[in-house]
Amino acid sequence: MNRKFLASLVWLLICSSYIFAQNTYTISGTVKDQKETLPGAAIYISGYKISTVTNNEGKFSIPNLAPGNYDVLVQMIGYLPYSKNVVIADKSVNIEALLQENTVMLKEVVIKPDPNRMAHIALFKDFFIGKSPNAAQCKILNTNVLMINDDRENGMLTVRTNEFIVIENKALGYRLKYLLEYFEYNYKSKIIFYAGHPYFEEMKGGKSKQKKWQQARETAYNGSIQHFFKSLYHNTIAQDGFVINKLVAIPNANRKPDSLINANIKRLTTGQNGLTRALTFTSGDSLAYWLKQRREPLTMSVLSRADVLVDTLVKTYNNDIKTMNFKDELYVIYKNERETPEYDFSGNRQNRPLDMPNYQISIVSLLEPPVRFYANGGVVDPRSTLYKGFWAYEKVADLVPMDYISTVKK
């Protein structure tokens, strides 16, 4: 038998066995309101470029989906946007989407003039779209749908919407429809939380534009949160350019014991000479000194440069999900790209050893462990983690679809 033919046959058999091993499933369903089924409703899969519309009977079907966690989005003029989380394990799923009319009762209308609306929108753009070079080429096409509440008493800026936010990203060549679940910015802690469901549409452009967009998408994907979790799942951290170290919390040696601090503050603020002693700034024995001691953090973070092994960090949850759990904080270094001048002035830059080049550095803290994630890099619960560094800098302007395939050859 010809060797080339035999080799081709073996390769064909390998490919065929791989294809048949990858089971795919369908999300189907019916869209209706309180009275009837709704033909022509737009159906999207959050985070992807997958969409369809309901037929004359209000039914839809989205085939060829791998096991995983999906958010199904429904949009229909005259109705509130609808979203439903669907988990595909070992069989197809059928859902019923009941839409509510997008009407507001007169008794619920409260007119609140906002003289600072434009400033609030600008703030929202900075914290939601981002401040990266890609963000400079993004535009929200319907800012009128943003409902902003600036609660200065509680130090919280919140944004919500009853419609999709439409974002044109000329840097990556995407038009996003983003169904915002929540946006919160705490003025005091400077912590931002937002979550939602993006749907990606390809923008049209010539060959030169398409090439430019592909290069920009590759840069946006490489080193991203999605890229990191995908690498974790497949245990390709080193090959993909990541290094995982730890920031370990140790007791702050510069801070005196609480008992000593409290005793001295009490001594200096009570008794006959309390006021006089409180205003005396003798080194080591003044109220100012002990109050400063109280403000000192209990712990300090020290970088351990020993590599954290994936085998000790990641565990298998089931056939489709893996989990990550750890103590302290992860110090994630991405060596294949450098930090940019724009990032240096963003306020997100993290400390690094003097001998370390300006690789992209991100820090991961656990809020609700463990973190559960899929093979495509999708995280089940985004609020399970808090990010600092480069991943806190990159926002919606730097998103690519969950089914994005890197063009880099390994």
Protein backbone atom coordinates (compact mmCIF):
# COMPACT_ATOMS: atom_id res chain seq x y z
CA MET A 1 0.00 0.00 0.00
CA ASN A 2 1.28 3.50 -0.87
CA ARG A 3 2.83 5.14 2.21
CA LYS A 4 1.33 8.56 1.47
CA PHE A 5 -2.12 7.02 1.07
CA LEU A 6 -1.70 5.06 4.31
CA ALA A 7 -0.60 8.19 6.19
CA SER A 8 -3.59 10.12 4.82
CA LEU A 9 -5.95 7.32 5.82
CA VAL A 10 -4.57 7.23 9.37
CA TRP A 11 -4.91 11.02 9.67
CA LEU A 12 -8.48 10.86 8.39
CA LEU A 13 -9.36 8.20 10.95
CA ILE A 14 -7.83 10.28 13.76
CA CYS A 15 -9.74 13.39 12.72
CA SER A 16 -12.98 11.44 12.36
CA SER A 17 -12.66 9.87 15.80
CA TYR A 18 -11.98 13.33 17.29
CA ILE A 19 -15.02 14.84 15.60
CA PHE A 20 -17.33 12.06 16.76
CA ALA A 21 -15.90 12.26 20.27
CA GLN A 22 -16.91 15.91 20.56
CA ASN A 23 -20.63 15.69 21.28
CA THR A 24 -22.64 18.77 20.35
CA TYR A 25 -26.12 19.76 21.45
CA THR A 26 -28.94 22.16 20.63
CA ILE A 27 -30.64 24.97 22.50
CA SER A 28 -34.16 25.34 21.17
CA GLY A 29 -37.26 27.05 22.46
CA THR A 30 -40.31 29.25 22.04
CA VAL A 31 -40.62 33.00 22.53
CA LYS A 32 -44.00 34.37 23.60
CA ASP A 33 -45.72 37.08 25.60
CA GLN A 34 -48.81 36.81 27.80
CA LYS A 35 -51.05 36.33 24.76
CA GLU A 36 -49.24 34.61 21.89
CA THR A 37 -46.00 33.37 20.40
CA LEU A 38 -43.71 35.99 18.85
CA PRO A 39 -42.22 35.48 15.37
CA GLY A 40 -39.18 37.53 14.35
CA ALA A 41 -37.61 37.78 17.82
CA ALA A 42 -33.80 38.00 17.74
CA ILE A 43 -31.98 35.26 19.68
CA TYR A 44 -28.34 35.66 20.69
CA ILE A 45 -25.82 33.58 22.62
CA SER A 46 -23.98 35.88 25.02
CA GLY A 47 -20.27 36.22 24.41
CA TYR A 48 -20.42 34.69 20.93
CA LYS A 49 -21.25 35.60 17.33
CA ILE A 50 -24.11 33.07 17.31
CA SER A 51 -27.64 34.31 16.57
CA THR A 52 -30.95 33.38 14.97
CA VAL A 53 -34.58 34.55 14.84
CA THR A 54 -37.84 32.88 15.76
CA ASN A 55 -39.97 31.45 12.95
CA ASN A 56 -43.66 32.07 12.29
CA GLU A 57 -44.57 29.90 15.27
CA GLY A 58 -42.18 31.80 17.60
CA LYS A 59 -39.76 28.87 17.73
CA PHE A 60 -35.97 28.85 17.36
CA SER A 61 -33.11 26.37 17.33
CA ILE A 62 -29.35 26.86 17.79
CA PRO A 63 -27.44 23.62 17.04
CA ASN A 64 -23.82 22.47 17.31
CA LEU A 65 -23.14 23.75 20.82
CA ALA A 66 -20.50 22.09 22.96
CA PRO A 67 -21.24 21.29 26.62
CA GLY A 68 -21.02 24.45 28.70
CA ASN A 69 -22.73 27.39 30.34
CA TYR A 70 -24.65 29.69 27.97
CA ASP A 71 -26.72 32.83 28.39
CA VAL A 72 -29.55 33.03 25.85
CA LEU A 73 -30.57 36.62 25.04
CA VAL A 74 -33.85 37.60 23.39
CA GLN A 75 -34.59 40.98 21.82
CA MET A 76 -37.92 42.10 20.39
CA ILE A 77 -39.10 45.65 19.69
CA GLY A 78 -41.68 46.72 22.24
CA TYR A 79 -40.51 44.22 24.88
CA LEU A 80 -37.93 44.23 27.64
CA PRO A 81 -34.75 42.27 26.84
CA TYR A 82 -34.79 38.73 28.16
CA SER A 83 -31.91 36.54 29.31
CA LYS A 84 -31.80 32.96 30.55
CA ASN A 85 -28.85 30.92 31.73
CA VAL A 86 -28.68 27.45 30.19
CA VAL A 87 -26.27 24.70 31.20
CA ILE A 88 -25.63 21.97 28.64
CA ALA A 89 -24.19 18.80 30.16
CA ASP A 90 -25.13 15.67 28.23
CA LYS A 91 -28.30 16.53 26.34
CA SER A 92 -30.01 19.29 24.34
CA VAL A 93 -32.10 21.91 26.13
CA ASN A 94 -35.50 23.42 25.33
CA ILE A 95 -36.63 26.68 26.94
CA GLU A 96 -39.66 28.97 26.95
CA ALA A 97 -38.94 32.72 26.95
CA LEU A 98 -41.80 34.83 28.28
CA LEU A 99 -41.29 38.48 27.31
CA GLN A 100 -42.69 41.47 29.18
CA GLU A 101 -43.91 44.59 27.39
CA ASN A 102 -41.54 47.55 27.69
CA THR A 103 -43.98 49.98 29.25
CA VAL A 104 -43.71 52.17 32.35
CA MET A 105 -46.82 53.03 34.36
CA LEU A 106 -47.37 56.77 34.87
CA LYS A 107 -47.44 56.37 38.64
CA GLU A 108 -43.92 54.94 38.49
CA VAL A 109 -42.43 57.84 36.55
CA VAL A 110 -40.14 59.97 38.69
CA ILE A 111 -38.44 62.87 36.92
CA LYS A 112 -34.98 63.49 38.32
CA PRO A 113 -33.09 66.18 36.43
CA ASP A 114 -29.40 65.36 36.37
CA PRO A 115 -27.24 68.41 35.57
CA ASN A 116 -24.17 66.15 35.76
CA ARG A 117 -25.43 63.48 33.35
CA MET A 118 -22.71 64.06 30.75
CA ALA A 119 -20.01 63.79 33.44
CA HIS A 120 -21.59 60.58 34.76
CA ILE A 121 -21.73 59.10 31.25
CA ALA A 122 -18.05 59.96 30.77
CA LEU A 123 -17.24 58.25 34.08
CA PHE A 124 -19.28 55.20 33.07
CA LYS A 125 -17.42 54.99 29.75
CA ASP A 126 -14.04 55.11 31.51
CA PHE A 127 -14.93 52.30 33.92
CA PHE A 128 -17.02 50.17 31.54
CA ILE A 129 -15.50 50.67 28.07
CA GLY A 130 -12.06 51.39 29.53
CA LYS A 131 -9.16 53.76 28.88
CA SER A 132 -7.01 51.59 26.62
CA PRO A 133 -6.11 52.62 23.04
CA ASN A 134 -8.96 50.37 21.83
CA ALA A 135 -11.40 52.25 24.09
CA ALA A 136 -10.54 55.50 22.30
CA GLN A 137 -12.07 53.95 19.15
CA CYS A 138 -15.27 52.79 20.87
CA LYS A 139 -18.55 54.66 20.88
CA ILE A 140 -21.81 53.99 22.71
CA LEU A 141 -24.47 54.65 20.07
CA ASN A 142 -27.45 54.91 22.45
CA THR A 143 -26.41 56.60 25.70
CA ASN A 144 -30.07 57.61 26.13
CA VAL A 145 -30.84 54.10 27.47
CA LEU A 146 -28.48 54.53 30.44
CA MET A 147 -30.30 55.06 33.75
CA ILE A 148 -27.77 56.58 36.15
CA ASN A 149 -28.05 56.91 39.91
CA ASP A 150 -25.33 58.92 41.67
CA ASP A 151 -25.82 58.11 45.35
CA ARG A 152 -23.33 60.42 47.03
CA GLU A 153 -24.67 59.65 50.50
CA ASN A 154 -23.64 56.01 50.18
CA GLY A 155 -20.74 56.74 47.84
CA MET A 156 -22.05 54.62 44.97
CA LEU A 157 -22.57 55.26 41.26
CA THR A 158 -24.88 52.70 39.63
CA VAL A 159 -26.03 52.30 36.05
CA ARG A 160 -28.81 50.11 34.70
CA THR A 161 -30.77 49.83 31.47
CA ASN A 162 -33.88 48.15 30.10
CA GLU A 163 -32.41 47.84 26.62
CA PHE A 164 -29.25 46.59 24.95
CA ILE A 165 -26.34 49.03 25.00
CA VAL A 166 -25.04 49.27 21.43
CA ILE A 167 -21.27 49.75 21.19
CA GLU A 168 -19.28 50.30 18.01
CA ASN A 169 -15.69 49.13 18.40
CA LYS A 170 -13.72 50.40 15.40
CA ALA A 171 -10.46 49.13 16.91
CA LEU A 172 -11.47 45.44 16.81
CA GLY A 173 -14.13 45.58 14.11
CA TYR A 174 -17.05 44.52 16.31
CA ARG A 175 -20.49 45.94 16.93
CA LEU A 176 -21.59 44.83 20.39
CA LYS A 177 -25.05 44.53 21.83
CA TYR A 178 -24.48 44.48 25.57
CA LEU A 179 -27.27 43.54 27.99
CA LEU A 180 -26.09 45.13 31.23
CA GLU A 181 -26.98 43.24 34.42
CA TYR A 182 -25.41 45.72 36.83
CA PHE A 183 -22.72 48.38 37.08
CA GLU A 184 -21.46 49.62 40.44
CA TYR A 185 -18.65 52.04 41.23
CA ASN A 186 -17.76 52.67 44.86
CA TYR A 187 -16.32 56.16 45.28
CA LYS A 188 -14.62 55.23 48.57
CA SER A 189 -13.04 51.87 47.79
CA LYS A 190 -12.56 52.65 44.07
CA ILE A 191 -13.82 49.13 43.31
CA ILE A 192 -15.83 48.55 40.13
CA PHE A 193 -18.19 45.65 39.55
CA TYR A 194 -20.09 45.15 36.33
CA ALA A 195 -21.60 42.18 34.55
CA GLY A 196 -23.66 41.59 31.47
CA HIS A 197 -24.08 39.72 28.24
CA PRO A 198 -22.27 40.88 25.07
CA TYR A 199 -23.22 39.75 21.60
CA PHE A 200 -20.65 40.31 18.83
CA GLU A 201 -21.41 41.31 15.24
CA GLU A 202 -18.63 41.53 12.65
CA MET A 203 -18.24 44.99 11.10
CA LYS A 204 -17.79 45.22 7.35
CA GLY A 205 -14.51 46.38 5.86
CA GLY A 206 -12.02 45.79 3.07
CA LYS A 207 -9.06 43.42 3.19
CA SER A 208 -6.74 45.95 4.79
CA LYS A 209 -9.25 46.72 7.53
CA GLN A 210 -9.94 43.04 8.13
CA LYS A 211 -6.21 42.36 8.47
CA LYS A 212 -5.79 45.28 10.87
CA TRP A 213 -8.77 44.12 12.95
CA GLN A 214 -7.44 40.55 13.10
CA GLN A 215 -4.09 41.77 14.39
CA ALA A 216 -5.82 43.96 17.01
CA ARG A 217 -8.07 41.08 18.10
CA GLU A 218 -5.06 38.81 18.52
CA THR A 219 -3.37 41.41 20.73
CA ALA A 220 -6.56 41.87 22.76
CA TYR A 221 -7.00 38.13 23.28
CA ASN A 222 -3.39 37.33 24.13
CA GLY A 223 -2.78 37.59 27.85
CA SER A 224 -6.45 38.30 28.60
CA ILE A 225 -8.52 36.76 31.40
CA GLN A 226 -10.17 34.51 28.82
CA HIS A 227 -6.79 33.40 27.48
CA PHE A 228 -5.53 32.71 31.01
CA PHE A 229 -8.45 30.49 32.05
CA LYS A 230 -8.39 28.66 28.73
CA SER A 231 -4.69 27.95 29.30
CA LEU A 232 -5.42 26.84 32.86
CA TYR A 233 -8.10 24.43 31.66
CA HIS A 234 -5.81 22.82 29.07
CA ASN A 235 -2.67 23.04 31.26
CA THR A 236 -0.78 25.09 28.65
CA ILE A 237 0.20 27.97 30.94
CA ALA A 238 3.93 27.88 30.17
CA GLN A 239 3.47 27.32 26.43
CA ASP A 240 1.07 30.26 26.25
CA GLY A 241 3.46 32.68 27.96
CA PHE A 242 2.02 32.81 31.50
CA VAL A 243 3.90 32.53 34.77
CA ILE A 244 2.00 32.19 38.04
CA ASN A 245 3.58 33.36 41.29
CA LYS A 246 1.98 34.32 44.60
CA LEU A 247 1.62 37.40 46.75
CA VAL A 248 1.80 35.99 50.28
CA ALA A 249 0.38 37.94 53.22
CA ILE A 250 2.74 38.14 56.22
CA PRO A 251 2.39 40.07 59.51
CA ASN A 252 3.44 43.71 59.22
CA ALA A 253 6.61 43.97 61.33
CA ASN A 254 6.31 47.77 61.38
CA ARG A 255 2.98 47.65 63.22
CA LYS A 256 2.86 47.45 67.01
CA PRO A 257 0.43 45.01 68.71
CA ASP A 258 -3.18 46.24 68.97
CA SER A 259 -3.06 46.02 72.75
CA LEU A 260 -0.08 48.41 72.87
CA ILE A 261 -1.60 50.79 70.32
CA ASN A 262 -4.94 50.99 72.12
CA ALA A 263 -3.31 51.41 75.56
CA ASN A 264 -1.20 54.33 74.39
CA ILE A 265 -4.08 56.06 72.59
CA LYS A 266 -6.13 55.76 75.78
CA ARG A 267 -3.23 57.07 77.88
CA LEU A 268 -2.72 60.09 75.65
CA THR A 269 -6.41 61.05 75.37
CA THR A 270 -7.54 60.67 78.98
CA GLY A 271 -6.58 62.15 82.35
CA GLN A 272 -5.75 65.67 83.44
CA ASN A 273 -3.08 66.27 80.81
CA GLY A 274 -4.84 64.41 78.02
CA LEU A 275 -5.37 67.38 75.74
CA THR A 276 -1.86 68.73 76.29
CA ARG A 277 -0.27 65.31 75.70
CA ALA A 278 -2.39 64.78 72.57
CA LEU A 279 -0.92 67.88 70.99
CA THR A 280 2.66 66.91 71.85
CA PHE A 281 4.43 65.39 68.84
CA THR A 282 7.37 63.77 70.58
CA SER A 283 8.72 61.00 68.37
CA GLY A 284 7.34 57.62 69.40
CA ASP A 285 5.10 58.92 72.15
CA SER A 286 2.46 61.17 70.58
CA LEU A 287 -1.15 60.67 69.68
CA ALA A 288 -0.28 61.23 66.03
CA TYR A 289 2.29 58.40 66.17
CA TRP A 290 -0.10 55.86 67.72
CA LEU A 291 -2.99 56.83 65.44
CA LYS A 292 -0.66 56.29 62.50
CA GLN A 293 0.22 52.90 63.97
CA ARG A 294 -3.48 52.01 64.06
CA ARG A 295 -3.76 52.87 60.35
CA GLU A 296 -0.87 50.60 59.46
CA PRO A 297 -2.07 47.42 57.68
CA LEU A 298 -2.04 44.23 59.73
CA THR A 299 -0.28 42.35 56.95
CA MET A 300 2.09 43.01 54.07
CA SER A 301 2.20 41.25 50.71
CA VAL A 302 5.47 39.61 49.75
CA LEU A 303 6.07 38.17 46.29
CA SER A 304 7.02 34.50 46.22
CA ARG A 305 8.74 33.87 42.89
CA ALA A 306 8.33 30.11 43.06
CA ASP A 307 6.13 29.02 40.15
CA VAL A 308 2.65 27.85 41.14
CA LEU A 309 2.02 24.55 39.36
CA VAL A 310 -1.28 24.05 37.55
CA ASP A 311 -1.64 20.55 39.00
CA THR A 312 -1.78 22.00 42.53
CA LEU A 313 -3.99 24.93 41.56
CA VAL A 314 -6.66 23.37 39.32
CA LYS A 315 -9.03 20.49 40.02
CA THR A 316 -11.59 18.75 37.81
CA TYR A 317 -15.19 19.49 38.83
CA ASN A 318 -16.94 17.41 36.14
CA ASN A 319 -16.52 16.54 32.47
CA ASP A 320 -16.90 20.18 31.40
CA ILE A 321 -15.87 22.35 34.36
CA LYS A 322 -12.64 22.79 36.28
CA THR A 323 -12.10 24.78 39.47
CA MET A 324 -9.34 26.94 40.89
CA ASN A 325 -8.78 27.56 44.58
CA PHE A 326 -5.86 29.16 46.41
CA LYS A 327 -4.76 31.16 49.45
CA ASP A 328 -3.35 34.70 49.36
CA GLU A 329 -3.28 36.23 45.83
CA LEU A 330 -2.07 35.04 42.44
CA TYR A 331 0.58 37.18 40.75
CA VAL A 332 0.12 36.41 37.05
CA ILE A 333 2.84 37.44 34.61
CA TYR A 334 2.23 37.42 30.84
CA LYS A 335 5.64 37.40 29.17
CA ASN A 336 4.59 37.57 25.51
CA GLU A 337 3.45 41.21 25.65
CA ARG A 338 4.74 44.31 27.44
CA GLU A 339 2.83 46.94 29.34
CA THR A 340 2.02 50.01 27.25
CA PRO A 341 2.72 53.71 27.95
CA GLU A 342 -1.04 54.29 28.26
CA TYR A 343 -1.23 51.59 30.93
CA ASP A 344 1.64 53.14 32.91
CA PHE A 345 -0.49 56.25 33.50
CA SER A 346 -3.76 54.41 34.19
CA GLY A 347 -3.21 53.95 37.94
CA ASN A 348 -3.35 50.13 37.64
CA ARG A 349 0.38 49.41 37.48
CA GLN A 350 1.61 46.88 40.05
CA ASN A 351 4.95 46.66 41.85
CA ARG A 352 7.50 44.25 40.41
CA PRO A 353 11.04 43.05 41.22
CA LEU A 354 13.75 45.35 39.84
CA ASP A 355 15.11 42.58 37.60
CA MET A 356 11.73 41.88 35.96
CA PRO A 357 11.03 43.47 32.55
CA ASN A 358 7.75 45.34 32.06
CA TYR A 359 5.73 42.21 31.34
CA GLN A 360 1.97 42.49 31.80
CA ILE A 361 1.17 41.77 35.45
CA SER A 362 -2.25 41.00 36.91
CA ILE A 363 -3.27 40.06 40.44
CA VAL A 364 -6.16 37.72 41.23
CA SER A 365 -7.98 37.70 44.58
CA LEU A 366 -10.67 35.19 45.50
CA LEU A 367 -14.00 36.60 46.68
CA GLU A 368 -16.22 33.52 46.50
CA PRO A 369 -14.07 30.41 46.05
CA PRO A 370 -13.67 28.26 44.17
CA VAL A 371 -13.56 29.74 40.67
CA ARG A 372 -15.34 27.49 38.16
CA PHE A 373 -14.43 27.78 34.47
CA TYR A 374 -14.89 26.10 31.08
CA ALA A 375 -12.57 24.95 28.30
CA ASN A 376 -13.17 28.15 26.31
CA GLY A 377 -11.99 30.32 29.22
CA GLY A 378 -15.45 31.32 30.38
CA VAL A 379 -15.91 31.80 34.14
CA VAL A 380 -19.20 30.58 35.64
CA ASP A 381 -19.50 33.39 38.21
CA PRO A 382 -17.58 36.60 37.37
CA ARG A 383 -18.01 37.88 40.94
CA SER A 384 -15.96 35.01 42.34
CA THR A 385 -12.76 36.95 41.61
CA LEU A 386 -11.35 40.46 41.88
CA TYR A 387 -8.63 41.63 39.51
CA LYS A 388 -5.91 44.24 39.84
CA GLY A 389 -3.23 45.27 37.39
CA PHE A 390 -3.52 44.72 33.63
CA TRP A 391 -6.76 42.74 33.84
CA ALA A 392 -8.38 45.58 35.78
CA TYR A 393 -7.23 47.97 33.05
CA GLU A 394 -8.69 45.97 30.16
CA LYS A 395 -12.48 46.24 29.90
CA VAL A 396 -15.26 45.95 27.29
CA ALA A 397 -13.16 47.67 24.58
CA ASP A 398 -10.74 44.73 24.68
CA LEU A 399 -13.29 41.88 24.60
CA VAL A 400 -13.30 39.23 21.88
CA PRO A 401 -15.93 36.48 21.45
CA MET A 402 -15.73 33.36 23.60
CA ASP A 403 -15.24 31.23 20.49
CA TYR A 404 -12.30 33.33 19.31
CA ILE A 405 -9.49 31.14 17.97
CA SER A 406 -5.95 32.46 18.30
CA THR A 407 -3.91 32.62 15.08
CA VAL A 408 -0.60 32.28 16.91
CA LYS A 409 1.22 29.04 16.04
CA LYS A 410 2.57 27.20 19.04
